[in-house]
Protein backbone atom coordinates (compact mmCIF):
# COMPACT_ATOMS: atom_id res chain seq x y z
CA MET A 1 206.10 143.55 -28.64
CA SER A 2 202.48 144.19 -29.69
CA GLY A 3 200.11 144.37 -26.73
CA LYS A 4 202.63 146.54 -24.93
CA THR A 5 202.43 150.26 -24.23
CA VAL A 6 204.39 152.80 -26.26
CA LEU A 7 204.72 156.45 -25.28
CA VAL A 8 204.83 158.61 -28.42
CA SER A 9 206.17 162.13 -27.90
CA GLY A 10 204.92 164.53 -30.56
CA GLY A 11 202.26 161.97 -31.49
CA ALA A 12 199.78 164.57 -32.72
CA GLY A 13 202.22 165.80 -35.36
CA TYR A 14 202.49 164.79 -39.00
CA ILE A 15 204.75 161.73 -38.72
CA GLY A 16 203.70 161.03 -35.13
CA SER A 17 200.00 160.73 -35.98
CA HIS A 18 200.64 158.29 -38.83
CA THR A 19 202.87 156.25 -36.53
CA CYS A 20 200.15 156.17 -33.85
CA VAL A 21 197.81 154.69 -36.47
CA GLU A 22 200.31 151.97 -37.39
CA LEU A 23 201.00 151.21 -33.71
CA LEU A 24 197.31 150.84 -32.86
CA ASN A 25 196.71 148.70 -35.95
CA ALA A 26 199.62 146.48 -34.87
CA GLY A 27 198.08 145.93 -31.42
CA TYR A 28 200.09 148.33 -29.27
CA GLU A 29 198.61 150.57 -26.59
CA VAL A 30 199.55 154.19 -27.29
CA ILE A 31 200.12 157.13 -24.96
CA CYS A 32 200.52 160.37 -26.90
CA VAL A 33 202.31 163.34 -25.32
CA ASP A 34 202.24 166.59 -27.32
CA ASP A 35 202.20 170.30 -26.47
CA LEU A 36 200.19 171.05 -29.66
CA ARG A 37 202.59 173.83 -30.64
CA ASN A 38 202.77 172.47 -34.19
CA SER A 39 199.76 170.15 -34.17
CA LYS A 40 196.04 169.92 -33.37
CA GLU A 41 194.18 167.89 -30.75
CA GLN A 42 191.54 166.96 -33.40
CA VAL A 43 194.14 164.48 -34.67
CA MET A 44 193.32 162.14 -31.76
CA GLU A 45 189.69 161.83 -32.88
CA ARG A 46 190.82 161.25 -36.48
CA ILE A 47 193.15 158.46 -35.35
CA GLU A 48 190.22 156.84 -33.54
CA ARG A 49 188.08 157.05 -36.69
CA ILE A 50 190.80 155.25 -38.67
CA THR A 51 191.69 152.56 -36.13
CA GLY A 52 188.65 152.23 -33.88
CA LYS A 53 190.95 152.97 -30.94
CA GLN A 54 191.97 156.22 -29.34
CA PRO A 55 195.41 156.94 -27.92
CA ILE A 56 195.62 158.15 -24.34
CA PHE A 57 196.47 161.83 -24.78
CA PHE A 58 198.31 164.33 -22.56
CA ARG A 59 198.94 167.93 -23.54
CA ILE A 60 202.43 168.26 -22.09
CA ASP A 61 205.59 170.14 -22.99
CA LEU A 62 208.50 167.69 -22.64
CA CYS A 63 210.57 170.51 -21.16
CA ASN A 64 208.22 170.29 -18.13
CA TYR A 65 209.91 167.39 -16.34
CA ASP A 66 207.35 167.12 -13.52
CA ALA A 67 204.41 166.79 -15.92
CA LEU A 68 206.24 164.12 -17.91
CA ASP A 69 207.20 162.29 -14.71
CA ARG A 70 203.50 162.05 -13.75
CA VAL A 71 202.74 160.22 -17.01
CA PHE A 72 205.55 157.71 -16.46
CA HIS A 73 204.43 157.27 -12.84
CA SER A 74 200.82 156.56 -13.89
CA TYR A 75 201.42 153.97 -16.64
CA LYS A 76 203.59 150.94 -17.27
CA ILE A 77 205.45 152.06 -20.39
CA ASP A 78 207.43 149.50 -22.40
CA ALA A 79 209.05 151.69 -25.05
CA VAL A 80 209.24 155.29 -26.28
CA ILE A 81 209.12 156.78 -29.79
CA HIS A 82 210.46 160.33 -29.64
CA PHE A 83 209.23 162.75 -32.31
CA ALA A 84 208.66 165.94 -30.28
CA GLY A 85 210.75 168.96 -31.19
CA LEU A 86 210.88 172.23 -33.07
CA LYS A 87 211.57 171.45 -36.71
CA ALA A 88 211.80 174.47 -39.06
CA VAL A 89 215.30 174.83 -40.49
CA GLY A 90 215.01 178.53 -41.29
CA GLU A 91 213.51 179.39 -37.92
CA SER A 92 216.31 177.47 -36.19
CA VAL A 93 218.85 179.82 -37.79
CA GLU A 94 216.89 182.83 -36.48
CA LYS A 95 216.21 181.35 -33.02
CA PRO A 96 219.09 178.98 -32.24
CA LEU A 97 218.84 179.23 -28.44
CA GLU A 98 215.14 178.34 -28.53
CA TYR A 99 215.88 175.29 -30.68
CA TYR A 100 218.81 174.04 -28.59
CA SER A 101 216.96 174.63 -25.32
CA ASN A 102 213.70 173.02 -26.42
CA ASN A 103 214.93 170.05 -28.42
CA LEU A 104 217.80 168.99 -26.18
CA ASN A 105 215.94 169.47 -22.90
CA ALA A 106 213.03 167.45 -24.28
CA THR A 107 215.35 164.55 -25.13
CA ILE A 108 217.15 164.70 -21.78
CA ASN A 109 213.92 164.84 -19.75
CA LEU A 110 212.53 161.87 -21.65
CA LEU A 111 215.67 159.81 -20.98
CA ARG A 112 215.69 160.83 -17.31
CA CYS A 113 212.12 159.57 -16.91
CA MET A 114 212.89 156.40 -18.83
CA GLU A 115 215.88 155.73 -16.58
CA LEU A 116 213.88 156.39 -13.41
CA TYR A 117 211.05 154.03 -14.41
CA GLY A 118 213.13 151.29 -16.03
CA VAL A 119 212.05 151.94 -19.63
CA ASN A 120 214.97 150.82 -21.80
CA LYS A 121 213.82 151.04 -25.42
CA ILE A 122 213.67 154.21 -27.50
CA VAL A 123 213.19 154.93 -31.20
CA PHE A 124 214.39 158.45 -32.05
CA SER A 125 213.15 160.59 -34.92
CA SER A 126 216.40 161.81 -36.42
CA SER A 127 217.00 163.27 -39.85
CA ALA A 128 219.16 163.17 -42.95
CA THR A 129 220.11 166.75 -42.03
CA VAL A 130 222.82 165.21 -39.80
CA TYR A 131 224.75 164.38 -43.01
CA GLY A 132 224.96 168.04 -44.05
CA ASN A 133 226.25 168.36 -47.61
CA PRO A 134 227.14 164.75 -48.45
CA LYS A 135 230.36 164.00 -50.33
CA THR A 136 228.75 161.08 -52.19
CA VAL A 137 225.30 159.60 -52.77
CA PRO A 138 223.60 157.37 -51.91
CA ILE A 139 224.30 158.30 -48.30
CA THR A 140 225.25 155.41 -46.02
CA GLU A 141 224.85 155.44 -42.25
CA ASP A 142 228.61 155.64 -41.71
CA ALA A 143 228.95 158.79 -43.85
CA ASP A 144 230.51 161.85 -42.22
CA ARG A 145 228.04 163.88 -40.18
CA TRP A 146 228.09 167.66 -40.22
CA CYS A 147 225.12 169.98 -39.94
CA THR A 148 224.40 173.25 -41.70
CA ASN A 149 221.81 174.68 -39.27
CA PRO A 150 220.85 174.57 -35.56
CA TYR A 151 217.87 172.25 -36.20
CA GLY A 152 220.24 169.68 -37.70
CA TRP A 153 222.66 170.08 -34.81
CA THR A 154 219.86 169.37 -32.30
CA LYS A 155 219.27 166.06 -34.10
CA TYR A 156 223.00 165.34 -34.14
CA MET A 157 223.36 166.17 -30.44
CA SER A 158 220.25 164.19 -29.46
CA GLU A 159 221.71 161.18 -31.29
CA GLN A 160 224.89 161.58 -29.25
CA ILE A 161 223.00 161.96 -25.97
CA ILE A 162 220.96 158.80 -26.66
CA SER A 163 224.07 156.88 -27.75
CA ASP A 164 225.94 157.88 -24.55
CA TRP A 165 222.89 156.89 -22.48
CA CYS A 166 222.98 153.44 -24.07
CA VAL A 167 226.69 153.07 -23.24
CA ALA A 168 225.99 153.93 -19.59
CA ASN A 169 222.86 151.77 -19.37
CA LYS A 170 223.68 148.21 -20.44
CA ASP A 171 219.99 147.24 -20.56
CA ALA A 172 219.14 150.05 -22.95
CA SER A 173 218.56 149.77 -26.68
CA ALA A 174 217.99 152.63 -29.10
CA MET A 175 217.24 153.04 -32.78
CA LEU A 176 218.14 156.36 -34.40
CA LEU A 177 216.03 156.63 -37.56
CA ARG A 178 217.39 159.15 -40.04
CA TYR A 179 214.47 160.22 -42.23
CA PHE A 180 214.83 161.64 -45.67
CA ASN A 181 211.83 163.65 -46.99
CA PRO A 182 208.42 162.42 -45.75
CA ILE A 183 205.43 163.41 -47.89
CA GLY A 184 201.92 162.12 -48.58
CA ALA A 185 199.06 161.30 -46.23
CA HIS A 186 196.97 158.41 -44.94
CA LYS A 187 194.75 156.89 -47.64
CA SER A 188 191.62 157.78 -45.62
CA GLY A 189 192.38 161.49 -46.04
CA LEU A 190 191.70 161.90 -42.30
CA ILE A 191 195.27 162.74 -41.27
CA GLY A 192 198.00 164.53 -43.20
CA GLU A 193 200.47 167.39 -43.11
CA ASP A 194 198.96 170.62 -41.76
CA PRO A 195 201.74 173.21 -41.44
CA ASN A 196 201.31 176.50 -39.63
CA GLY A 197 201.43 179.49 -42.00
CA ILE A 198 203.23 179.27 -45.35
CA PRO A 199 204.70 175.77 -45.64
CA ASN A 200 208.44 175.20 -45.44
CA ASN A 201 208.29 171.86 -47.24
CA LEU A 202 207.75 171.24 -50.94
CA LEU A 203 204.60 169.13 -51.10
CA PRO A 204 202.40 171.11 -48.67
CA TYR A 205 203.43 174.20 -50.65
CA ILE A 206 202.38 172.51 -53.92
CA CYS A 207 199.10 171.45 -52.28
CA GLN A 208 198.30 175.04 -51.34
CA VAL A 209 199.11 176.24 -54.85
CA SER A 210 196.83 173.57 -56.34
CA ALA A 211 194.05 174.70 -53.97
CA GLY A 212 194.48 178.34 -55.03
CA LYS A 213 195.70 179.48 -51.60
CA LEU A 214 199.10 180.41 -52.99
CA GLU A 215 199.59 181.87 -56.46
CA TYR A 216 202.57 179.80 -57.54
CA LEU A 217 205.37 177.57 -56.28
CA ARG A 218 208.80 179.09 -55.80
CA VAL A 219 211.46 176.72 -57.11
CA TYR A 220 214.74 177.64 -55.45
CA GLY A 221 217.39 177.33 -58.14
CA ASP A 222 217.50 175.54 -61.51
CA ASP A 223 221.28 175.54 -61.94
CA TYR A 224 222.25 172.58 -59.74
CA ASP A 225 224.25 169.70 -61.19
CA THR A 226 221.14 167.52 -61.56
CA PRO A 227 219.24 166.22 -64.63
CA ASP A 228 216.88 169.23 -64.79
CA GLY A 229 218.86 171.70 -62.64
CA THR A 230 216.50 171.54 -59.64
CA GLY A 231 217.36 169.97 -56.29
CA VAL A 232 217.01 166.19 -55.98
CA ARG A 233 215.69 164.61 -52.77
CA ASP A 234 214.66 161.21 -51.49
CA TYR A 235 210.90 161.52 -50.89
CA ILE A 236 209.29 158.80 -48.78
CA HIS A 237 205.59 158.17 -48.14
CA VAL A 238 204.76 159.00 -44.52
CA VAL A 239 202.91 155.67 -44.11
CA ASP A 240 206.01 153.73 -45.21
CA LEU A 241 207.99 155.82 -42.73
CA ALA A 242 205.51 155.12 -39.93
CA ARG A 243 205.71 151.39 -40.59
CA GLY A 244 209.48 151.60 -40.29
CA HIS A 245 208.97 152.55 -36.62
CA ILE A 246 207.03 149.34 -35.98
CA ASN A 247 209.90 147.32 -37.44
CA ALA A 248 212.34 149.32 -35.32
CA LEU A 249 210.40 148.48 -32.14
CA LYS A 250 210.40 144.80 -33.05
CA TYR A 251 214.14 144.93 -33.63
CA LEU A 252 214.75 146.56 -30.22
CA ASP A 253 212.82 143.79 -28.50
CA GLY A 254 215.81 141.50 -28.82
CA ALA A 255 218.66 143.99 -29.08
CA SER A 256 220.95 146.08 -26.93
CA GLY A 257 223.04 149.13 -27.72
CA CYS A 258 222.41 151.89 -30.22
CA GLU A 259 221.95 151.65 -33.99
CA CYS A 260 221.33 154.28 -36.67
CA VAL A 261 219.33 153.48 -39.80
CA ASN A 262 218.31 155.54 -42.83
CA LEU A 263 214.64 155.52 -43.82
CA GLY A 264 214.23 156.53 -47.45
CA THR A 265 213.38 155.00 -50.80
CA GLY A 266 216.92 155.09 -52.18
CA VAL A 267 215.59 157.04 -55.19
CA GLY A 268 216.06 160.76 -55.80
CA TYR A 269 213.38 162.90 -57.44
CA SER A 270 213.88 166.50 -58.56
CA VAL A 271 211.57 169.35 -57.58
CA LEU A 272 210.17 169.47 -61.11
CA GLU A 273 209.55 165.71 -61.14
CA VAL A 274 207.48 166.09 -57.96
CA VAL A 275 205.59 169.02 -59.54
CA LYS A 276 204.82 166.86 -62.60
CA ALA A 277 203.68 163.88 -60.48
CA TYR A 278 201.39 166.12 -58.40
CA SER A 279 199.99 167.75 -61.57
CA GLU A 280 199.09 164.28 -62.85
CA ALA A 281 197.47 163.38 -59.51
CA CYS A 282 195.31 166.51 -59.34
CA GLY A 283 194.66 166.84 -63.07
CA LYS A 284 195.91 170.41 -63.49
CA GLU A 285 199.14 172.28 -63.99
CA ILE A 286 200.98 173.69 -60.98
CA PRO A 287 202.28 177.19 -61.76
CA TYR A 288 205.84 177.80 -60.59
CA LYS A 289 208.60 180.38 -60.86
CA ILE A 290 212.33 179.79 -60.69
CA VAL A 291 213.94 181.98 -58.02
CA GLY A 292 217.43 182.10 -56.53
CA ARG A 293 218.92 179.27 -54.53
CA ARG A 294 218.31 179.15 -50.79
CA ALA A 295 221.36 179.38 -48.54
CA GLY A 296 222.36 175.95 -47.26
CA ASP A 297 220.45 173.95 -49.88
CA ILE A 298 222.37 171.10 -51.52
CA ALA A 299 222.04 169.62 -55.01
CA THR A 300 221.36 165.94 -54.38
CA CYS A 301 220.47 163.87 -51.34
CA TYR A 302 219.15 160.30 -51.25
CA ALA A 303 219.56 157.32 -48.98
CA ALA A 304 221.38 154.04 -49.08
CA THR A 305 218.68 151.67 -47.81
CA ASP A 306 220.56 148.35 -47.44
CA LYS A 307 220.83 148.57 -43.65
CA ALA A 308 217.08 149.12 -43.22
CA ARG A 309 216.39 146.03 -45.30
CA GLU A 310 218.95 143.88 -43.50
CA LEU A 311 218.44 145.05 -39.92
CA LEU A 312 214.75 145.99 -39.85
CA ASN A 313 213.40 143.85 -42.70
CA TRP A 314 211.87 147.08 -44.02
CA GLN A 315 211.73 148.86 -47.33
CA ALA A 316 209.54 151.57 -48.81
CA GLU A 317 206.63 150.20 -50.86
CA LEU A 318 204.76 153.30 -52.05
CA ASN A 319 205.92 155.31 -55.08
CA LEU A 320 205.92 159.00 -55.98
CA HIS A 321 202.46 158.75 -57.59
CA ASP A 322 201.07 157.23 -54.36
CA MET A 323 202.67 160.05 -52.35
CA CYS A 324 201.23 162.82 -54.53
CA ALA A 325 197.78 161.22 -54.93
CA SER A 326 197.41 160.77 -51.16
CA ALA A 327 198.54 164.35 -50.49
CA TYR A 328 195.98 165.62 -53.03
CA ASN A 329 193.26 163.50 -51.40
CA TRP A 330 194.13 165.01 -47.99
CA GLN A 331 194.13 168.53 -49.46
CA CYS A 332 190.71 168.02 -51.11
CA LYS A 333 189.11 166.62 -47.96
CA ASN A 334 190.77 169.15 -45.63
CA PRO A 335 191.19 172.44 -47.52
CA ASN A 336 191.84 174.24 -44.23
CA GLY A 337 193.78 171.42 -42.61
CA TYR A 338 192.31 170.26 -39.32
CA GLU A 339 190.45 173.58 -38.91
CA GLN A 340 187.13 172.80 -40.61
């Protein structure tokens, strides 16, 4: 499918920007649509520096159907990768209506435009949050789904909407990619994770502690039923994750219907193991304090990865050291994120 045009919603974001790089390197034309609510336009110039090519960029909110329609009307689009959406778990609990309205309307508007212009292939950025508190690990794609927060439910509901759209549209094909915990950055240090305010996710938080911006890392709970008492997660390098989207597009080229696939390493690392790996990467200790558990957190979560290997011919290649070293490189080169 290389040589064809892919619309990437949320393409200026963390995972979206790395996926744009992989798409351009693989020979695709890229149209990026992003409202820049959780991202920066400077990302487009960084992508060009890495690849020698610049995505076509539109600053558009997907909830604005008319603006999105104009993009579809102006370009021959062959496939869509849908990342755009609000994504903070805690905030979703505080602002559920905003999350449901934004995330579900964005998905519906995208599918409406795709249907109108005969675009039949979509890769959706879903999440392991749809599994809730898993009964067993590793988590397989046919595990029970149940969410513990509105953000997770918007992923669950978007999966259902896309699946129903595929049933109604016999020419359609969709890949629902359930990510585990993306971390790390591009080896160039030009793009990486740049959260607004105090980070919600572990590694950006560690990065800011290592840079002296935050005094110490809060470790939420050390009394879980895990080897060292801290929560265990499946961390995956964002570049491995981005490459999984290329394999998903290739799969859709000859497929119909809707499939869901986990993207993870299949290995669980505890919070303290990640702290140790980052300490080794940056050459200094990361101060931390044990505090109480967070509501809704679970002990252990990691992926079964057989389906990704069999269906997409994909598996993660980069290890925890690679993830931490690349995140440290990004932090060193961009101490204030994209704001220089």
